[in-house]
Amino acid sequence: MNGVLVLVSILVGAFLVLAVPSLVVPYPPEYGVITSFDMSKAVLLCAVLGAGGAFYAYKQGEQGAFLLRLFVGALLIRVLLG
């Protein structure tokens, strides 16, 4: 399960960095110019903030590993839907 979550996390991050700038190219008045560097900064910010929440979930005693998997899975779903 952990390997699947790591693989999905990497794929979602790569998709955001590579695909989103090309999706918003037709809409410069609304979004401005978006580059892969901008998306990399957004993914890094999400990863850093998520790591804080993941660390807190992991430190919750014997249920920590389950809470960590639940948190990472929910975060990935939120990012994909957002």
PDB file of N, CA and C in Angstrom:
ATOM      1  N   MET A   1       0.820  -1.190   0.000  1.00  0.00           N
ATOM      2  CA  MET A   1       0.000   0.000   0.000  1.00  0.00           C
ATOM      3  C   MET A   1       0.866   1.256   0.000  1.00  0.00           C
ATOM      4  N   ASN A   2       1.944   1.233   0.778  1.00  0.00           N
ATOM      5  CA  ASN A   2       2.809   2.405   0.835  1.00  0.00           C
ATOM      6  C   ASN A   2       3.462   2.682  -0.507  1.00  0.00           C
ATOM      7  N   GLY A   3       3.875   1.628  -1.196  1.00  0.00           N
ATOM      8  CA  GLY A   3       4.489   1.788  -2.512  1.00  0.00           C
ATOM      9  C   GLY A   3       3.519   2.397  -3.516  1.00  0.00           C
ATOM     10  N   VAL A   4       2.262   1.984  -3.436  1.00  0.00           N
ATOM     11  CA  VAL A   4       1.250   2.528  -4.344  1.00  0.00           C
ATOM     12  C   VAL A   4       1.044   4.016  -4.073  1.00  0.00           C
ATOM     13  N   LEU A   5       0.982   4.401  -2.806  1.00  0.00           N
ATOM     14  CA  LEU A   5       0.808   5.810  -2.468  1.00  0.00           C
ATOM     15  C   LEU A   5       1.994   6.655  -2.934  1.00  0.00           C
ATOM     16  N   VAL A   6       3.190   6.127  -2.791  1.00  0.00           N
ATOM     17  CA  VAL A   6       4.377   6.857  -3.251  1.00  0.00           C
ATOM     18  C   VAL A   6       4.352   7.012  -4.767  1.00  0.00           C
ATOM     19  N   LEU A   7       4.012   5.943  -5.473  1.00  0.00           N
ATOM     20  CA  LEU A   7       3.948   5.998  -6.937  1.00  0.00           C
ATOM     21  C   LEU A   7       2.881   6.982  -7.411  1.00  0.00           C
ATOM     22  N   VAL A   8       1.715   6.943  -6.799  1.00  0.00           N
ATOM     23  CA  VAL A   8       0.651   7.869  -7.180  1.00  0.00           C
ATOM     24  C   VAL A   8       1.048   9.312  -6.856  1.00  0.00           C
ATOM     25  N   SER A   9       1.723   9.518  -5.739  1.00  0.00           N
ATOM     26  CA  SER A   9       2.176  10.870  -5.384  1.00  0.00           C
ATOM     27  C   SER A   9       3.151  11.415  -6.428  1.00  0.00           C
ATOM     28  N   ILE A  10       4.073  10.587  -6.852  1.00  0.00           N
ATOM     29  CA  ILE A  10       5.044  11.011  -7.867  1.00  0.00           C
ATOM     30  C   ILE A  10       4.347  11.306  -9.189  1.00  0.00           C
ATOM     31  N   LEU A  11       3.409  10.453  -9.576  1.00  0.00           N
ATOM     32  CA  LEU A  11       2.688  10.668 -10.823  1.00  0.00           C
ATOM     33  C   LEU A  11       1.834  11.942 -10.793  1.00  0.00           C
ATOM     34  N   VAL A  12       1.171  12.204  -9.676  1.00  0.00           N
ATOM     35  CA  VAL A  12       0.360  13.417  -9.555  1.00  0.00           C
ATOM     36  C   VAL A  12       1.247  14.654  -9.609  1.00  0.00           C
ATOM     37  N   GLY A  13       2.356  14.621  -8.903  1.00  0.00           N
ATOM     38  CA  GLY A  13       3.278  15.756  -8.942  1.00  0.00           C
ATOM     39  C   GLY A  13       3.823  16.010 -10.331  1.00  0.00           C
ATOM     40  N   ALA A  14       4.204  14.949 -11.027  1.00  0.00           N
ATOM     41  CA  ALA A  14       4.721  15.098 -12.392  1.00  0.00           C
ATOM     42  C   ALA A  14       3.638  15.613 -13.328  1.00  0.00           C
ATOM     43  N   PHE A  15       2.413  15.127 -13.178  1.00  0.00           N
ATOM     44  CA  PHE A  15       1.322  15.603 -14.006  1.00  0.00           C
ATOM     45  C   PHE A  15       1.088  17.095 -13.792  1.00  0.00           C
ATOM     46  N   LEU A  16       1.080  17.518 -12.545  1.00  0.00           N
ATOM     47  CA  LEU A  16       0.851  18.943 -12.258  1.00  0.00           C
ATOM     48  C   LEU A  16       1.947  19.812 -12.855  1.00  0.00           C
ATOM     49  N   VAL A  17       3.178  19.384 -12.705  1.00  0.00           N
ATOM     50  CA  VAL A  17       4.298  20.194 -13.190  1.00  0.00           C
ATOM     51  C   VAL A  17       4.333  20.238 -14.714  1.00  0.00           C
ATOM     52  N   LEU A  18       4.018  19.133 -15.368  1.00  0.00           N
ATOM     53  CA  LEU A  18       4.165  19.064 -16.821  1.00  0.00           C
ATOM     54  C   LEU A  18       2.899  19.425 -17.596  1.00  0.00           C
ATOM     55  N   ALA A  19       1.728  19.086 -17.104  1.00  0.00           N
ATOM     56  CA  ALA A  19       0.509  19.244 -17.895  1.00  0.00           C
ATOM     57  C   ALA A  19      -0.235  20.551 -17.649  1.00  0.00           C
ATOM     58  N   VAL A  20      -0.243  21.038 -16.427  1.00  0.00           N
ATOM     59  CA  VAL A  20      -1.051  22.224 -16.127  1.00  0.00           C
ATOM     60  C   VAL A  20      -0.608  23.463 -16.902  1.00  0.00           C
ATOM     61  N   PRO A  21       0.682  23.752 -17.039  1.00  0.00           N
ATOM     62  CA  PRO A  21       1.044  24.945 -17.826  1.00  0.00           C
ATOM     63  C   PRO A  21       0.502  24.908 -19.254  1.00  0.00           C
ATOM     64  N   SER A  22       0.488  23.742 -19.884  1.00  0.00           N
ATOM     65  CA  SER A  22      -0.042  23.678 -21.254  1.00  0.00           C
ATOM     66  C   SER A  22      -1.564  23.785 -21.275  1.00  0.00           C
ATOM     67  N   LEU A  23      -2.231  23.436 -20.184  1.00  0.00           N
ATOM     68  CA  LEU A  23      -3.684  23.551 -20.127  1.00  0.00           C
ATOM     69  C   LEU A  23      -4.151  24.992 -19.982  1.00  0.00           C
ATOM     70  N   VAL A  24      -3.349  25.849 -19.340  1.00  0.00           N
ATOM     71  CA  VAL A  24      -3.774  27.228 -19.101  1.00  0.00           C
ATOM     72  C   VAL A  24      -3.214  28.215 -20.113  1.00  0.00           C
ATOM     73  N   VAL A  25      -2.471  27.734 -21.104  1.00  0.00           N
ATOM     74  CA  VAL A  25      -1.903  28.627 -22.125  1.00  0.00           C
ATOM     75  C   VAL A  25      -2.976  29.437 -22.850  1.00  0.00           C
ATOM     76  N   PRO A  26      -4.147  28.870 -23.201  1.00  0.00           N
ATOM     77  CA  PRO A  26      -5.150  29.670 -23.915  1.00  0.00           C
ATOM     78  C   PRO A  26      -5.814  30.760 -23.080  1.00  0.00           C
ATOM     79  N   TYR A  27      -5.562  30.824 -21.799  1.00  0.00           N
ATOM     80  CA  TYR A  27      -6.249  31.756 -20.917  1.00  0.00           C
ATOM     81  C   TYR A  27      -5.297  32.722 -20.201  1.00  0.00           C
ATOM     82  N   PRO A  28      -4.427  33.427 -20.920  1.00  0.00           N
ATOM     83  CA  PRO A  28      -3.480  34.312 -20.222  1.00  0.00           C
ATOM     84  C   PRO A  28      -4.131  35.491 -19.497  1.00  0.00           C
ATOM     85  N   PRO A  29      -5.250  36.058 -19.988  1.00  0.00           N
ATOM     86  CA  PRO A  29      -5.825  37.169 -19.222  1.00  0.00           C
ATOM     87  C   PRO A  29      -6.327  36.748 -17.838  1.00  0.00           C
ATOM     88  N   GLU A  30      -6.841  35.520 -17.734  1.00  0.00           N
ATOM     89  CA  GLU A  30      -7.378  35.068 -16.442  1.00  0.00           C
ATOM     90  C   GLU A  30      -6.281  34.604 -15.476  1.00  0.00           C
ATOM     91  N   TYR A  31      -5.313  33.847 -15.992  1.00  0.00           N
ATOM     92  CA  TYR A  31      -4.316  33.214 -15.133  1.00  0.00           C
ATOM     93  C   TYR A  31      -2.932  33.845 -15.217  1.00  0.00           C
ATOM     94  N   GLY A  32      -2.665  34.601 -16.240  1.00  0.00           N
ATOM     95  CA  GLY A  32      -1.310  35.096 -16.455  1.00  0.00           C
ATOM     96  C   GLY A  32      -0.467  33.996 -17.080  1.00  0.00           C
ATOM     97  N   VAL A  33       0.808  34.210 -17.109  1.00  0.00           N
ATOM     98  CA  VAL A  33       1.714  33.220 -17.689  1.00  0.00           C
ATOM     99  C   VAL A  33       2.120  32.232 -16.598  1.00  0.00           C
ATOM    100  N   ILE A  34       1.815  30.951 -16.811  1.00  0.00           N
ATOM    101  CA  ILE A  34       2.133  29.895 -15.857  1.00  0.00           C
ATOM    102  C   ILE A  34       3.212  29.011 -16.487  1.00  0.00           C
ATOM    103  N   THR A  35       4.295  28.803 -15.764  1.00  0.00           N
ATOM    104  CA  THR A  35       5.383  27.965 -16.263  1.00  0.00           C
ATOM    105  C   THR A  35       5.519  26.711 -15.406  1.00  0.00           C
ATOM    106  N   SER A  36       6.334  25.787 -15.858  1.00  0.00           N
ATOM    107  CA  SER A  36       6.594  24.578 -15.073  1.00  0.00           C
ATOM    108  C   SER A  36       7.289  24.920 -13.761  1.00  0.00           C
ATOM    109  N   PHE A  37       8.075  25.985 -13.760  1.00  0.00           N
ATOM    110  CA  PHE A  37       8.730  26.410 -12.518  1.00  0.00           C
ATOM    111  C   PHE A  37       7.695  26.852 -11.490  1.00  0.00           C
ATOM    112  N   ASP A  38       6.663  27.582 -11.938  1.00  0.00           N
ATOM    113  CA  ASP A  38       5.598  27.996 -11.022  1.00  0.00           C
ATOM    114  C   ASP A  38       4.873  26.781 -10.440  1.00  0.00           C
ATOM    115  N   MET A  39       4.607  25.806 -11.281  1.00  0.00           N
ATOM    116  CA  MET A  39       3.938  24.598 -10.808  1.00  0.00           C
ATOM    117  C   MET A  39       4.837  23.796  -9.871  1.00  0.00           C
ATOM    118  N   SER A  40       6.139  23.792 -10.129  1.00  0.00           N
ATOM    119  CA  SER A  40       7.072  23.098  -9.237  1.00  0.00           C
ATOM    120  C   SER A  40       7.056  23.723  -7.851  1.00  0.00           C
ATOM    121  N   LYS A  41       6.985  25.049  -7.801  1.00  0.00           N
ATOM    122  CA  LYS A  41       6.908  25.733  -6.503  1.00  0.00           C
ATOM    123  C   LYS A  41       5.615  25.372  -5.780  1.00  0.00           C
ATOM    124  N   ALA A  42       4.501  25.278  -6.506  1.00  0.00           N
ATOM    125  CA  ALA A  42       3.223  24.928  -5.888  1.00  0.00           C
ATOM    126  C   ALA A  42       3.251  23.497  -5.347  1.00  0.00           C
ATOM    127  N   VAL A  43       3.809  22.573  -6.113  1.00  0.00           N
ATOM    128  CA  VAL A  43       3.896  21.181  -5.663  1.00  0.00           C
ATOM    129  C   VAL A  43       4.819  21.074  -4.447  1.00  0.00           C
ATOM    130  N   LEU A  44       5.920  21.807  -4.449  1.00  0.00           N
ATOM    131  CA  LEU A  44       6.835  21.783  -3.311  1.00  0.00           C
ATOM    132  C   LEU A  44       6.167  22.344  -2.056  1.00  0.00           C
ATOM    133  N   LEU A  45       5.422  23.434  -2.195  1.00  0.00           N
ATOM    134  CA  LEU A  45       4.711  23.999  -1.043  1.00  0.00           C
ATOM    135  C   LEU A  45       3.706  23.002  -0.490  1.00  0.00           C
ATOM    136  N   CYS A  46       2.953  22.355  -1.375  1.00  0.00           N
ATOM    137  CA  CYS A  46       1.981  21.351  -0.937  1.00  0.00           C
ATOM    138  C   CYS A  46       2.689  20.182  -0.243  1.00  0.00           C
ATOM    139  N   ALA A  47       3.828  19.772  -0.764  1.00  0.00           N
ATOM    140  CA  ALA A  47       4.573  18.660  -0.168  1.00  0.00           C
ATOM    141  C   ALA A  47       5.098  19.019   1.217  1.00  0.00           C
ATOM    142  N   VAL A  48       5.599  20.227   1.377  1.00  0.00           N
ATOM    143  CA  VAL A  48       6.130  20.646   2.680  1.00  0.00           C
ATOM    144  C   VAL A  48       5.009  20.743   3.715  1.00  0.00           C
ATOM    145  N   LEU A  49       3.903  21.363   3.347  1.00  0.00           N
ATOM    146  CA  LEU A  49       2.780  21.470   4.286  1.00  0.00           C
ATOM    147  C   LEU A  49       2.177  20.098   4.570  1.00  0.00           C
ATOM    148  N   GLY A  50       2.093  19.259   3.550  1.00  0.00           N
ATOM    149  CA  GLY A  50       1.584  17.908   3.746  1.00  0.00           C
ATOM    150  C   GLY A  50       2.492  17.070   4.627  1.00  0.00           C
ATOM    151  N   ALA A  51       3.800  17.288   4.521  1.00  0.00           N
ATOM    152  CA  ALA A  51       4.743  16.541   5.359  1.00  0.00           C
ATOM    153  C   ALA A  51       4.536  16.865   6.833  1.00  0.00           C
ATOM    154  N   GLY A  52       4.204  18.111   7.129  1.00  0.00           N
ATOM    155  CA  GLY A  52       3.914  18.475   8.523  1.00  0.00           C
ATOM    156  C   GLY A  52       2.701  17.732   9.053  1.00  0.00           C
ATOM    157  N   GLY A  53       1.638  17.688   8.259  1.00  0.00           N
ATOM    158  CA  GLY A  53       0.446  16.950   8.658  1.00  0.00           C
ATOM    159  C   GLY A  53       0.694  15.460   8.734  1.00  0.00           C
ATOM    160  N   ALA A  54       1.490  14.943   7.801  1.00  0.00           N
ATOM    161  CA  ALA A  54       1.801  13.522   7.800  1.00  0.00           C
ATOM    162  C   ALA A  54       2.622  13.140   9.027  1.00  0.00           C
ATOM    163  N   PHE A  55       3.562  13.987   9.412  1.00  0.00           N
ATOM    164  CA  PHE A  55       4.373  13.717  10.607  1.00  0.00           C
ATOM    165  C   PHE A  55       3.494  13.677  11.855  1.00  0.00           C
ATOM    166  N   TYR A  56       2.560  14.626  11.943  1.00  0.00           N
ATOM    167  CA  TYR A  56       1.632  14.655  13.087  1.00  0.00           C
ATOM    168  C   TYR A  56       0.768  13.398  13.110  1.00  0.00           C
ATOM    169  N   ALA A  57       0.265  12.977  11.940  1.00  0.00           N
ATOM    170  CA  ALA A  57      -0.570  11.776  11.884  1.00  0.00           C
ATOM    171  C   ALA A  57       0.236  10.533  12.258  1.00  0.00           C
ATOM    172  N   TYR A  58       1.478  10.463  11.822  1.00  0.00           N
ATOM    173  CA  TYR A  58       2.315   9.295  12.100  1.00  0.00           C
ATOM    174  C   TYR A  58       2.635   9.149  13.589  1.00  0.00           C
ATOM    175  N   LYS A  59       2.711  10.243  14.301  1.00  0.00           N
ATOM    176  CA  LYS A  59       3.084  10.212  15.721  1.00  0.00           C
ATOM    177  C   LYS A  59       1.902   9.928  16.642  1.00  0.00           C
ATOM    178  N   GLN A  60       0.783   9.441  16.116  1.00  0.00           N
ATOM    179  CA  GLN A  60      -0.412   9.204  16.923  1.00  0.00           C
ATOM    180  C   GLN A  60      -0.486   7.780  17.467  1.00  0.00           C
ATOM    181  N   GLY A  61       0.573   7.333  18.061  1.00  0.00           N
ATOM    182  CA  GLY A  61       0.590   6.035  18.732  1.00  0.00           C
ATOM    183  C   GLY A  61       0.513   4.858  17.779  1.00  0.00           C
ATOM    184  N   GLU A  62      -0.198   3.821  18.199  1.00  0.00           N
ATOM    185  CA  GLU A  62      -0.240   2.591  17.403  1.00  0.00           C
ATOM    186  C   GLU A  62      -1.073   2.730  16.131  1.00  0.00           C
ATOM    187  N   GLN A  63      -1.904   3.729  16.028  1.00  0.00           N
ATOM    188  CA  GLN A  63      -2.708   3.949  14.827  1.00  0.00           C
ATOM    189  C   GLN A  63      -2.021   4.897  13.837  1.00  0.00           C
ATOM    190  N   GLY A  64      -0.794   5.279  14.125  1.00  0.00           N
ATOM    191  CA  GLY A  64      -0.089   6.263  13.314  1.00  0.00           C
ATOM    192  C   GLY A  64       0.111   5.860  11.866  1.00  0.00           C
ATOM    193  N   ALA A  65       0.488   4.621  11.622  1.00  0.00           N
ATOM    194  CA  ALA A  65       0.734   4.172  10.245  1.00  0.00           C
ATOM    195  C   ALA A  65      -0.556   4.205   9.423  1.00  0.00           C
ATOM    196  N   PHE A  66      -1.665   3.783  10.028  1.00  0.00           N
ATOM    197  CA  PHE A  66      -2.948   3.820   9.331  1.00  0.00           C
ATOM    198  C   PHE A  66      -3.364   5.257   9.052  1.00  0.00           C
ATOM    199  N   LEU A  67      -3.230   6.123  10.027  1.00  0.00           N
ATOM    200  CA  LEU A  67      -3.596   7.532   9.838  1.00  0.00           C
ATOM    201  C   LEU A  67      -2.731   8.199   8.778  1.00  0.00           C
ATOM    202  N   LEU A  68      -1.471   7.824   8.717  1.00  0.00           N
ATOM    203  CA  LEU A  68      -0.584   8.373   7.692  1.00  0.00           C
ATOM    204  C   LEU A  68      -1.052   7.968   6.301  1.00  0.00           C
ATOM    205  N   ARG A  69      -1.362   6.697   6.101  1.00  0.00           N
ATOM    206  CA  ARG A  69      -1.857   6.244   4.789  1.00  0.00           C
ATOM    207  C   ARG A  69      -3.181   6.917   4.444  1.00  0.00           C
ATOM    208  N   LEU A  70      -4.055   7.056   5.415  1.00  0.00           N
ATOM    209  CA  LEU A  70      -5.339   7.719   5.193  1.00  0.00           C
ATOM    210  C   LEU A  70      -5.138   9.182   4.817  1.00  0.00           C
ATOM    211  N   PHE A  71      -4.242   9.870   5.510  1.00  0.00           N
ATOM    212  CA  PHE A  71      -3.966  11.276   5.229  1.00  0.00           C
ATOM    213  C   PHE A  71      -3.385  11.464   3.834  1.00  0.00           C
ATOM    214  N   VAL A  72      -2.414  10.647   3.468  1.00  0.00           N
ATOM    215  CA  VAL A  72      -1.780  10.777   2.149  1.00  0.00           C
ATOM    216  C   VAL A  72      -2.782  10.462   1.042  1.00  0.00           C
ATOM    217  N   GLY A  73      -3.569   9.436   1.221  1.00  0.00           N
ATOM    218  CA  GLY A  73      -4.582   9.104   0.219  1.00  0.00           C
ATOM    219  C   GLY A  73      -5.604  10.221   0.047  1.00  0.00           C
ATOM    220  N   ALA A  74      -6.079  10.770   1.148  1.00  0.00           N
ATOM    221  CA  ALA A  74      -7.048  11.870   1.079  1.00  0.00           C
ATOM    222  C   ALA A  74      -6.433  13.118   0.451  1.00  0.00           C
ATOM    223  N   LEU A  75      -5.181  13.397   0.768  1.00  0.00           N
ATOM    224  CA  LEU A  75      -4.510  14.556   0.186  1.00  0.00           C
ATOM    225  C   LEU A  75      -4.367  14.400  -1.327  1.00  0.00           C
ATOM    226  N   LEU A  76      -4.010  13.209  -1.784  1.00  0.00           N
ATOM    227  CA  LEU A  76      -3.892  12.972  -3.221  1.00  0.00           C
ATOM    228  C   LEU A  76      -5.234  13.134  -3.933  1.00  0.00           C
ATOM    229  N   ILE A  77      -6.297  12.652  -3.326  1.00  0.00           N
ATOM    230  CA  ILE A  77      -7.620  12.821  -3.931  1.00  0.00           C
ATOM    231  C   ILE A  77      -7.996  14.284  -4.010  1.00  0.00           C
ATOM    232  N   ARG A  78      -7.716  15.043  -2.953  1.00  0.00           N
ATOM    233  CA  ARG A  78      -8.017  16.488  -2.971  1.00  0.00           C
ATOM    234  C   ARG A  78      -7.225  17.216  -4.037  1.00  0.00           C
ATOM    235  N   VAL A  79      -5.971  16.878  -4.191  1.00  0.00           N
ATOM    236  CA  VAL A  79      -5.140  17.535  -5.207  1.00  0.00           C
ATOM    237  C   VAL A  79      -5.640  17.194  -6.602  1.00  0.00           C
ATOM    238  N   LEU A  80      -5.991  15.947  -6.842  1.00  0.00           N
ATOM    239  CA  LEU A  80      -6.494  15.555  -8.158  1.00  0.00           C
ATOM    240  C   LEU A  80      -7.814  16.229  -8.485  1.00  0.00           C
ATOM    241  N   LEU A  81      -8.702  16.312  -7.521  1.00  0.00           N
ATOM    242  CA  LEU A  81      -9.988  16.952  -7.775  1.00  0.00           C
ATOM    243  C   LEU A  81      -9.890  18.457  -7.865  1.00  0.00           C
ATOM    244  N   GLY A  82      -8.905  19.028  -7.184  1.00  0.00           N
ATOM    245  CA  GLY A  82      -8.726  20.481  -7.214  1.00  0.00           C
ATOM    246  C   GLY A  82      -8.173  20.919  -8.537  1.00  0.00           C
TER     247      GLY A  82
END
